[in-house]
Amino acid sequence: MSFCRSANSWASISGINKKLWPLLLICFFSAGSKTASAFDTAWHNYACDAVVKANNFSSFSKSLLYIGDWLPDCYQGIQVSLSYLDLKHNVMFSYTPGIKRAVTDVKSGYENKKMQKLSVFLHFDDINQALDSNEKFHYIFMKLLENTSQIIRDIYSQKDLNEITKQKNILLTLGSSLHVVQDFYAHTNWADQNFSEYDIGNEYSVARAPTYFEAYKFFQSKKTQKSNFPFTIEAGIYPYPTSPPFPKTKDGVPKSHAHLNHDNILLEAPDGRKMARFHKIGTEHGSHFAAEHQQYAVASAAAASKEWIRLLSKNVVVKSAIQLAGEAQTPPTIIFKDQTKLLMEGTIRTSCIAKHWDGQKPEAESQKICNKYQYSSSCSLINILRGSCAPFITPVTVKTNKFFVLFHKSQIFERLIEGIGNPDTGLYEFDSDAL
């Protein structure tokens, strides 16, 4: 299937507003930017699969959860990509029909909504070196849990929303919230701790670290630490200083996203540098290879994702809402049969093309998935044109698309970061009384 057909079909059949295609176009370029990233898409999807299986979600619910989890990464790179696509400096784009309108749509429809500014706080990055204590990490976790619970309750109780809209918004909220949880294990030194030396017990498998809340419960029961843990949690600084002094972790590792992240299976930085030597390879699980260490972090994120749903479900209303969302079914369509598959192709194809499915050179299993989405350079321009002109090709279906309109109206990103970060200043905000 060509890039052209899948992207255009995806936008048409999934109920997504006509401005989603310009967004997807921008995300294509943003996914390859050198900004702070997260677990590559393959591993975010893997962690979401743990939730899907544990809660018996439908295939369509799984797709919507994937999309919600993918959106924080997509939006964070938009500003960089808009500069790259500036028509004043790029002759090819300025003379390409359809591209100008695509970029204009993104600038007018998404910049004004502060989506890229909001998404900065959805990755557990150490923004401007503000995450300087274990208590601040705990604050973010607890505030995110509170915010996610409140959003889901509000969506579920909103009388003017039909069932499918409630299901979509709940799953997008869950996906975006889970992205933050998963990035804790991707962006910090948590997976580099040797938990075996603390005799934490057998509540978790040796194939993963204890989740944050498993460890928190254990160490709080000891009541011997001034801080939450006997070690210091550290995340990569974003943005990392471009001139000295260059901050380092307690272990002497440069405190940058590139050095601390567990985003891809080879532990590579976005520019391809090998970073395995900066991780404590061979800790709890006895790993001596980059892939095994990275998978240790992924398994930890997957366990934490399932735990996150259990924590949210302690509220009976949220529990009912999640159960409803997990039963979402593909809307009926006359033209396309497999809507769920087409719904997902856009995110997978974008990640593969931009080398963010699983690093610059995916291993065999990941490469098999990306091979399904190969494209030629001669086809890509035609596909972009066709996608950006979708309203003229399928006017009936596109006019009824409301997916992203509803997403923005729900203000999911805005509400998730409430009390955590200020999109106007770009800085974290902590309640001193809660620390």
Protein backbone atom coordinates (compact mmCIF):
# COMPACT_ATOMS: atom_id res chain seq x y z
CA MET A 1 0.00 0.00 0.00
CA SER A 2 1.44 3.41 -0.90
CA PHE A 3 2.11 6.21 1.56
CA CYS A 4 -0.42 8.19 -0.44
CA ARG A 5 -3.31 5.78 -0.15
CA SER A 6 -2.83 4.82 3.49
CA ALA A 7 -2.47 8.36 4.81
CA ASN A 8 -5.43 9.69 2.84
CA SER A 9 -7.58 6.67 3.71
CA TRP A 10 -6.62 6.90 7.37
CA ALA A 11 -7.73 10.51 7.59
CA SER A 12 -10.97 9.75 5.79
CA ILE A 13 -12.27 6.65 7.50
CA SER A 14 -11.31 7.23 11.11
CA GLY A 15 -13.48 10.27 11.72
CA ILE A 16 -10.52 12.65 11.83
CA ASN A 17 -10.97 16.31 10.95
CA LYS A 18 -9.55 17.48 7.63
CA LYS A 19 -6.80 19.38 9.45
CA LEU A 20 -5.34 16.14 10.84
CA TRP A 21 -3.55 15.43 7.57
CA PRO A 22 -1.55 18.70 7.73
CA LEU A 23 -0.73 17.79 11.34
CA LEU A 24 0.43 14.33 10.25
CA LEU A 25 2.54 15.93 7.53
CA ILE A 26 4.25 18.17 10.09
CA CYS A 27 4.67 15.22 12.47
CA PHE A 28 6.45 13.36 9.65
CA PHE A 29 9.20 15.97 9.79
CA SER A 30 9.04 16.62 13.54
CA ALA A 31 9.56 12.93 14.38
CA GLY A 32 13.04 13.16 12.93
CA SER A 33 14.02 16.36 14.73
CA LYS A 34 16.77 16.48 17.33
CA THR A 35 14.45 17.66 20.12
CA ALA A 36 13.92 15.64 23.27
CA SER A 37 12.14 12.44 22.43
CA ALA A 38 10.65 9.48 24.29
CA PHE A 39 10.57 5.71 24.01
CA ASP A 40 10.42 5.16 20.27
CA THR A 41 6.90 4.38 19.05
CA ALA A 42 7.40 0.61 18.98
CA TRP A 43 8.08 0.56 22.72
CA HIS A 44 5.32 2.96 23.68
CA ASN A 45 2.97 0.68 21.75
CA TYR A 46 4.44 -2.34 23.56
CA ALA A 47 3.71 -0.78 26.94
CA CYS A 48 0.19 0.09 25.81
CA ASP A 49 -0.29 -3.53 24.72
CA ALA A 50 0.19 -4.55 28.35
CA VAL A 51 -2.78 -2.35 29.25
CA VAL A 52 -4.86 -3.66 26.36
CA LYS A 53 -4.29 -7.30 27.31
CA ALA A 54 -4.77 -6.78 31.04
CA ASN A 55 -8.06 -4.95 30.51
CA ASN A 56 -9.35 -6.85 27.47
CA PHE A 57 -9.63 -3.75 25.28
CA SER A 58 -11.12 -4.07 21.80
CA SER A 59 -8.96 -3.69 18.70
CA PHE A 60 -10.39 -0.26 17.99
CA SER A 61 -9.84 0.86 21.60
CA LYS A 62 -6.22 -0.26 21.25
CA SER A 63 -5.75 1.91 18.17
CA LEU A 64 -7.16 4.95 19.91
CA LEU A 65 -4.94 4.31 22.95
CA TYR A 66 -1.92 4.12 20.62
CA ILE A 67 -2.82 7.45 19.04
CA GLY A 68 -3.29 9.13 22.42
CA ASP A 69 0.13 7.85 23.49
CA TRP A 70 1.72 9.05 20.23
CA LEU A 71 0.39 12.62 20.31
CA PRO A 72 2.75 14.11 22.96
CA ASP A 73 5.79 13.17 20.83
CA CYS A 74 4.12 14.40 17.65
CA TYR A 75 3.26 17.82 19.01
CA GLN A 76 6.57 18.47 20.76
CA GLY A 77 8.44 18.63 17.44
CA ILE A 78 5.95 20.84 15.59
CA GLN A 79 7.71 24.16 16.19
CA VAL A 80 11.05 22.87 14.91
CA SER A 81 9.33 21.41 11.88
CA LEU A 82 7.42 24.58 11.07
CA SER A 83 10.74 26.39 10.83
CA TYR A 84 12.01 23.68 8.49
CA LEU A 85 8.91 23.99 6.34
CA ASP A 86 9.00 27.79 6.23
CA LEU A 87 7.89 28.63 2.68
CA LYS A 88 10.15 31.67 2.53
CA HIS A 89 13.25 29.52 2.80
CA ASN A 90 12.25 26.35 1.01
CA VAL A 91 11.78 26.69 -2.74
CA MET A 92 10.42 23.18 -3.25
CA PHE A 93 7.59 23.68 -0.79
CA SER A 94 6.75 27.18 -2.01
CA TYR A 95 6.14 25.85 -5.53
CA THR A 96 4.33 22.68 -4.44
CA PRO A 97 0.51 22.87 -4.59
CA GLY A 98 -1.13 21.74 -1.37
CA ILE A 99 1.92 22.15 0.90
CA LYS A 100 1.35 25.86 1.47
CA ARG A 101 -2.18 25.22 2.67
CA ALA A 102 -1.01 22.34 4.85
CA VAL A 103 1.55 24.51 6.67
CA THR A 104 -0.89 27.42 6.95
CA ASP A 105 -3.49 25.11 8.49
CA VAL A 106 -1.04 23.85 11.09
CA LYS A 107 0.15 27.34 12.00
CA SER A 108 -3.35 28.72 12.40
CA GLY A 109 -5.01 25.63 13.83
CA TYR A 110 -2.40 24.28 16.22
CA GLU A 111 0.10 26.96 17.21
CA ASN A 112 -2.71 29.06 18.63
CA LYS A 113 -3.81 26.14 20.79
CA LYS A 114 -0.36 25.96 22.40
CA MET A 115 -0.26 22.23 21.78
CA GLN A 116 3.49 22.07 21.29
CA LYS A 117 4.07 24.20 24.40
CA LEU A 118 1.79 21.99 26.45
CA SER A 119 3.39 18.77 25.23
CA VAL A 120 6.78 19.78 26.65
CA PHE A 121 5.52 18.77 30.10
CA LEU A 122 4.41 15.29 29.04
CA HIS A 123 7.83 13.58 28.96
CA PHE A 124 9.39 13.68 32.44
CA ASP A 125 12.28 15.77 31.10
CA ASP A 126 14.28 17.94 33.50
CA ILE A 127 13.15 21.28 32.08
CA ASN A 128 15.68 24.00 32.92
CA GLN A 129 17.12 21.81 35.70
CA ALA A 130 14.02 22.15 37.87
CA LEU A 131 13.65 18.43 38.72
CA ASP A 132 16.24 18.61 41.48
CA SER A 133 14.63 16.42 44.14
CA ASN A 134 12.84 13.08 44.44
CA GLU A 135 9.87 14.93 45.91
CA LYS A 136 9.32 16.80 42.66
CA PHE A 137 9.12 13.57 40.68
CA HIS A 138 6.59 12.33 43.22
CA TYR A 139 4.63 15.57 42.90
CA ILE A 140 4.35 15.14 39.11
CA PHE A 141 3.17 11.54 39.44
CA MET A 142 0.50 12.41 42.01
CA LYS A 143 -0.70 15.51 40.16
CA LEU A 144 -0.87 13.63 36.87
CA LEU A 145 -2.88 10.86 38.55
CA GLU A 146 -5.28 13.42 40.02
CA ASN A 147 -5.66 15.29 36.72
CA THR A 148 -6.16 12.14 34.64
CA SER A 149 -8.81 10.86 37.02
CA GLN A 150 -10.70 14.16 36.96
CA ILE A 151 -10.63 14.45 33.16
CA ILE A 152 -11.97 10.91 32.71
CA ARG A 153 -14.74 11.48 35.26
CA ASP A 154 -15.76 14.70 33.55
CA ILE A 155 -15.86 13.08 30.09
CA TYR A 156 -17.82 10.10 31.38
CA SER A 157 -20.45 12.27 33.09
CA GLN A 158 -20.84 14.78 30.23
CA LYS A 159 -24.44 14.36 29.11
CA ASP A 160 -24.10 16.05 25.70
CA LEU A 161 -21.50 13.52 24.47
CA ASN A 162 -22.54 10.31 22.75
CA GLU A 163 -20.94 7.00 23.72
CA ILE A 164 -18.34 6.79 20.94
CA THR A 165 -17.17 10.35 21.61
CA LYS A 166 -16.79 9.57 25.31
CA GLN A 167 -14.82 6.44 24.45
CA LYS A 168 -12.50 8.30 22.09
CA ASN A 169 -11.76 11.13 24.52
CA ILE A 170 -11.23 8.79 27.45
CA LEU A 171 -8.78 6.69 25.44
CA LEU A 172 -6.92 9.74 24.15
CA THR A 173 -6.65 10.98 27.73
CA LEU A 174 -5.43 7.60 28.94
CA GLY A 175 -2.92 7.33 26.09
CA SER A 176 -1.43 10.76 26.68
CA SER A 177 -1.27 10.18 30.43
CA LEU A 178 0.37 6.78 29.94
CA HIS A 179 2.95 8.42 27.70
CA VAL A 180 4.16 10.47 30.67
CA VAL A 181 4.28 7.41 32.93
CA GLN A 182 6.22 5.40 30.35
CA ASP A 183 8.67 8.24 29.76
CA PHE A 184 9.67 8.16 33.43
CA TYR A 185 11.34 4.81 32.68
CA ALA A 186 12.68 6.04 29.33
CA HIS A 187 14.18 9.35 30.45
CA THR A 188 15.48 8.84 33.99
CA ASN A 189 18.12 6.76 35.73
CA TRP A 190 15.45 4.55 37.35
CA ALA A 191 16.36 1.51 35.23
CA ASP A 192 20.03 2.05 36.13
CA GLN A 193 19.45 1.44 39.84
CA ASN A 194 20.48 -1.87 41.41
CA PHE A 195 17.31 -2.56 43.37
CA SER A 196 18.59 -5.95 44.54
CA GLU A 197 20.82 -4.28 47.12
CA TYR A 198 17.74 -2.93 48.91
CA ASP A 199 16.08 -6.31 49.50
CA ILE A 200 12.87 -4.95 48.08
CA GLY A 201 11.30 -8.41 47.86
CA ASN A 202 9.61 -10.49 45.19
CA GLU A 203 6.75 -8.19 44.23
CA TYR A 204 8.22 -7.78 40.77
CA SER A 205 9.93 -9.92 38.16
CA VAL A 206 13.72 -9.90 37.76
CA ALA A 207 13.06 -9.02 34.11
CA ARG A 208 12.09 -5.49 35.16
CA ALA A 209 12.64 -2.89 37.83
CA PRO A 210 9.97 -2.29 40.45
CA THR A 211 7.54 0.38 39.34
CA TYR A 212 7.77 3.80 40.93
CA PHE A 213 4.82 3.10 43.22
CA GLU A 214 6.01 -0.39 44.16
CA ALA A 215 9.35 1.05 45.26
CA TYR A 216 7.72 4.05 46.92
CA LYS A 217 5.50 1.79 49.03
CA PHE A 218 8.48 -0.35 50.05
CA PHE A 219 10.78 2.50 51.04
CA GLN A 220 8.05 4.43 52.81
CA SER A 221 7.41 1.37 54.97
CA LYS A 222 11.05 1.50 56.12
CA LYS A 223 10.72 5.13 57.22
CA THR A 224 14.49 5.51 57.29
CA GLN A 225 14.93 7.85 54.35
CA LYS A 226 14.74 11.62 54.47
CA SER A 227 13.82 11.47 50.82
CA ASN A 228 11.43 9.07 49.08
CA PHE A 229 14.31 6.78 48.08
CA PRO A 230 17.90 6.08 49.16
CA PHE A 231 19.08 7.25 45.75
CA THR A 232 18.53 10.37 43.66
CA ILE A 233 16.21 10.16 40.67
CA GLU A 234 17.63 12.13 37.74
CA ALA A 235 16.28 12.93 34.28
CA GLY A 236 17.94 14.37 31.20
CA ILE A 237 18.01 18.16 31.18
CA TYR A 238 15.94 19.78 28.46
CA PRO A 239 17.17 21.88 26.84
CA TYR A 240 20.72 20.82 27.64
CA PRO A 241 23.22 23.73 27.98
CA THR A 242 25.20 24.51 24.84
CA SER A 243 28.16 25.95 26.76
CA PRO A 244 29.95 25.09 30.04
CA PRO A 245 29.28 24.15 32.73
CA PHE A 246 27.74 20.88 31.55
CA PRO A 247 25.79 19.28 34.42
CA LYS A 248 26.40 15.64 35.31
CA THR A 249 24.47 13.06 37.31
CA LYS A 250 25.60 11.76 40.73
CA ASP A 251 27.35 8.96 38.80
CA GLY A 252 29.28 11.39 36.61
CA VAL A 253 27.21 10.87 33.45
CA PRO A 254 26.38 13.97 31.36
CA LYS A 255 22.85 14.85 32.43
CA SER A 256 21.45 15.14 28.94
CA HIS A 257 18.52 13.40 27.32
CA ALA A 258 20.88 11.69 24.87
CA HIS A 259 22.94 10.13 27.66
CA LEU A 260 20.12 9.02 29.97
CA ASN A 261 17.37 7.90 27.57
CA HIS A 262 16.29 4.31 26.92
CA ASP A 263 14.32 5.24 23.80
CA ASN A 264 15.48 2.57 21.36
CA ILE A 265 16.79 -0.96 21.63
CA LEU A 266 20.40 -0.03 20.80
CA LEU A 267 20.49 2.86 23.30
CA GLU A 268 21.44 5.28 20.55
CA ALA A 269 21.21 9.06 20.72
CA PRO A 270 19.11 10.82 18.03
CA ASP A 271 22.32 11.48 16.08
CA GLY A 272 23.31 7.81 16.14
CA ARG A 273 25.92 7.91 18.94
CA LYS A 274 26.15 4.72 21.02
CA MET A 275 25.19 5.48 24.63
CA ALA A 276 25.17 2.04 26.29
CA ARG A 277 28.41 2.78 28.13
CA PHE A 278 26.66 5.49 30.13
CA HIS A 279 24.13 3.07 31.60
CA LYS A 280 24.68 0.64 34.43
CA ILE A 281 24.47 -2.40 32.21
CA GLY A 282 24.13 -5.64 34.14
CA THR A 283 22.24 -4.45 37.21
CA GLU A 284 19.22 -6.30 38.59
CA HIS A 285 18.53 -8.48 35.59
CA GLY A 286 22.13 -9.45 34.82
CA SER A 287 22.18 -7.84 31.37
CA HIS A 288 25.45 -7.23 29.55
CA PHE A 289 24.03 -5.87 26.34
CA ALA A 290 22.37 -2.61 25.35
CA ALA A 291 19.29 -4.35 23.97
CA GLU A 292 18.68 -6.31 27.17
CA HIS A 293 19.11 -3.24 29.33
CA GLN A 294 16.73 -1.23 27.17
CA GLN A 295 14.18 -4.03 27.26
CA TYR A 296 14.51 -4.04 31.05
CA ALA A 297 13.38 -0.39 31.00
CA VAL A 298 10.57 -1.16 28.53
CA ALA A 299 9.28 -4.04 30.68
CA SER A 300 9.31 -1.69 33.67
CA ALA A 301 7.25 0.84 31.73
CA ALA A 302 4.79 -1.86 30.66
CA ALA A 303 4.28 -2.98 34.27
CA ALA A 304 3.87 0.65 35.33
CA SER A 305 1.28 1.20 32.61
CA LYS A 306 -0.89 -1.62 33.94
CA GLU A 307 -0.40 -0.31 37.45
CA TRP A 308 -1.48 3.17 36.33
CA ILE A 309 -4.84 1.81 35.20
CA ARG A 310 -5.25 0.02 38.54
CA LEU A 311 -4.50 3.24 40.42
CA LEU A 312 -7.00 5.19 38.34
CA SER A 313 -9.59 2.45 38.75
CA LYS A 314 -9.64 2.84 42.51
CA ASN A 315 -12.26 5.47 41.75
CA VAL A 316 -15.43 3.56 40.82
CA VAL A 317 -16.52 6.16 38.25
CA VAL A 318 -13.15 6.09 36.50
CA LYS A 319 -13.21 2.30 36.57
CA SER A 320 -16.59 2.26 34.80
CA ALA A 321 -15.37 4.87 32.31
CA ILE A 322 -12.28 2.83 31.40
CA GLN A 323 -14.39 -0.30 30.99
CA LEU A 324 -16.70 1.59 28.62
CA ALA A 325 -13.77 3.00 26.65
CA GLY A 326 -12.25 -0.45 26.29
CA GLU A 327 -15.35 -1.64 24.45
CA ALA A 328 -15.12 0.91 21.62
CA GLN A 329 -16.02 -0.50 18.20
CA THR A 330 -14.96 0.66 14.74
CA PRO A 331 -17.62 2.99 13.32
CA PRO A 332 -19.46 1.48 10.31
CA THR A 333 -18.24 2.54 6.88
CA ILE A 334 -19.34 1.81 3.34
CA ILE A 335 -16.01 2.09 1.55
CA PHE A 336 -13.34 0.62 3.83
CA LYS A 337 -13.55 -2.64 5.75
CA ASP A 338 -10.56 -2.59 8.08
CA GLN A 339 -10.82 0.85 9.66
CA THR A 340 -8.75 0.03 12.73
CA LYS A 341 -5.74 -1.03 10.67
CA LEU A 342 -5.92 2.06 8.50
CA LEU A 343 -6.32 4.25 11.57
CA MET A 344 -2.94 3.10 12.85
CA GLU A 345 -0.98 3.18 9.59
CA GLY A 346 -0.36 6.91 9.72
CA THR A 347 1.41 6.84 13.08
CA ILE A 348 3.42 3.71 12.30
CA ARG A 349 4.46 4.91 8.84
CA THR A 350 5.48 8.33 10.17
CA SER A 351 7.59 6.75 12.90
CA CYS A 352 9.27 4.30 10.52
CA ILE A 353 10.11 6.89 7.87
CA ALA A 354 11.48 9.31 10.49
CA LYS A 355 13.61 6.57 12.16
CA HIS A 356 11.61 6.74 15.37
CA TRP A 357 9.96 3.34 15.28
CA ASP A 358 12.97 1.79 17.01
CA GLY A 359 16.11 3.83 16.41
CA GLN A 360 18.11 4.51 13.28
CA LYS A 361 18.58 0.83 12.39
CA PRO A 362 15.79 -1.32 13.84
CA GLU A 363 16.56 -4.92 14.63
CA ALA A 364 15.00 -7.68 12.57
CA GLU A 365 11.58 -7.89 14.23
CA SER A 366 11.03 -4.13 14.25
CA GLN A 367 12.35 -3.84 10.70
CA LYS A 368 9.74 -6.34 9.52
CA ILE A 369 7.04 -3.94 10.65
CA CYS A 370 8.67 -0.97 8.95
CA ASN A 371 9.18 -2.95 5.75
CA LYS A 372 5.41 -2.94 5.35
CA TYR A 373 5.54 0.84 5.15
CA GLN A 374 8.43 1.38 2.73
CA TYR A 375 7.97 4.14 0.21
CA SER A 376 9.89 5.66 -2.69
CA SER A 377 10.99 9.30 -2.84
CA SER A 378 9.20 9.67 -6.17
CA CYS A 379 5.93 8.57 -4.57
CA SER A 380 6.18 10.60 -1.36
CA LEU A 381 5.53 14.00 -2.95
CA ILE A 382 2.45 12.70 -4.78
CA ASN A 383 1.21 11.21 -1.54
CA ILE A 384 1.67 14.46 0.37
CA LEU A 385 -0.29 16.32 -2.28
CA ARG A 386 -3.08 13.80 -2.29
CA GLY A 387 -3.29 13.78 1.47
CA SER A 388 -3.33 17.57 1.81
CA CYS A 389 -6.02 17.79 -0.88
CA ALA A 390 -8.23 15.17 0.76
CA PRO A 391 -11.22 17.55 1.14
CA PHE A 392 -11.47 17.79 -2.65
CA ILE A 393 -11.18 14.05 -3.18
CA THR A 394 -13.61 12.84 -0.53
CA PRO A 395 -15.78 15.85 0.35
CA VAL A 396 -18.60 13.85 1.90
CA THR A 397 -16.53 11.90 4.43
CA VAL A 398 -14.15 14.73 5.31
CA LYS A 399 -16.95 17.21 6.03
CA THR A 400 -18.25 14.93 8.76
CA ASN A 401 -14.89 14.32 10.41
CA LYS A 402 -14.76 15.60 13.98
CA PHE A 403 -12.07 13.53 15.66
CA PHE A 404 -9.47 16.21 16.25
CA VAL A 405 -11.97 19.00 16.76
CA LEU A 406 -13.33 17.06 19.73
CA PHE A 407 -9.80 16.33 20.96
CA HIS A 408 -8.94 20.01 21.13
CA LYS A 409 -12.29 21.02 22.58
CA SER A 410 -11.73 18.60 25.44
CA GLN A 411 -8.46 20.43 26.27
CA ILE A 412 -6.86 17.15 27.29
CA PHE A 413 -3.25 18.39 27.21
CA GLU A 414 -4.15 21.58 29.04
CA ARG A 415 -5.87 19.69 31.82
CA LEU A 416 -3.23 16.96 32.12
CA ILE A 417 -0.48 19.47 32.92
CA GLU A 418 -2.60 21.63 35.22
CA GLY A 419 -0.55 22.36 38.33
CA ILE A 420 2.51 20.75 36.72
CA GLY A 421 3.74 23.18 34.06
CA ASN A 422 3.06 26.64 32.70
CA PRO A 423 2.93 26.71 28.87
CA ASP A 424 3.43 30.48 28.84
CA THR A 425 6.74 30.37 30.73
CA GLY A 426 7.77 26.88 29.65
CA LEU A 427 8.62 26.04 33.27
CA TYR A 428 7.43 23.51 35.80
CA GLU A 429 5.29 24.87 38.61
CA PHE A 430 5.29 23.08 41.95
CA ASP A 431 3.05 23.60 44.94
CA SER A 432 5.60 24.12 47.72
CA ASP A 433 3.09 22.95 50.32
CA ALA A 434 2.79 19.60 48.53
CA LEU A 435 6.53 18.93 48.36
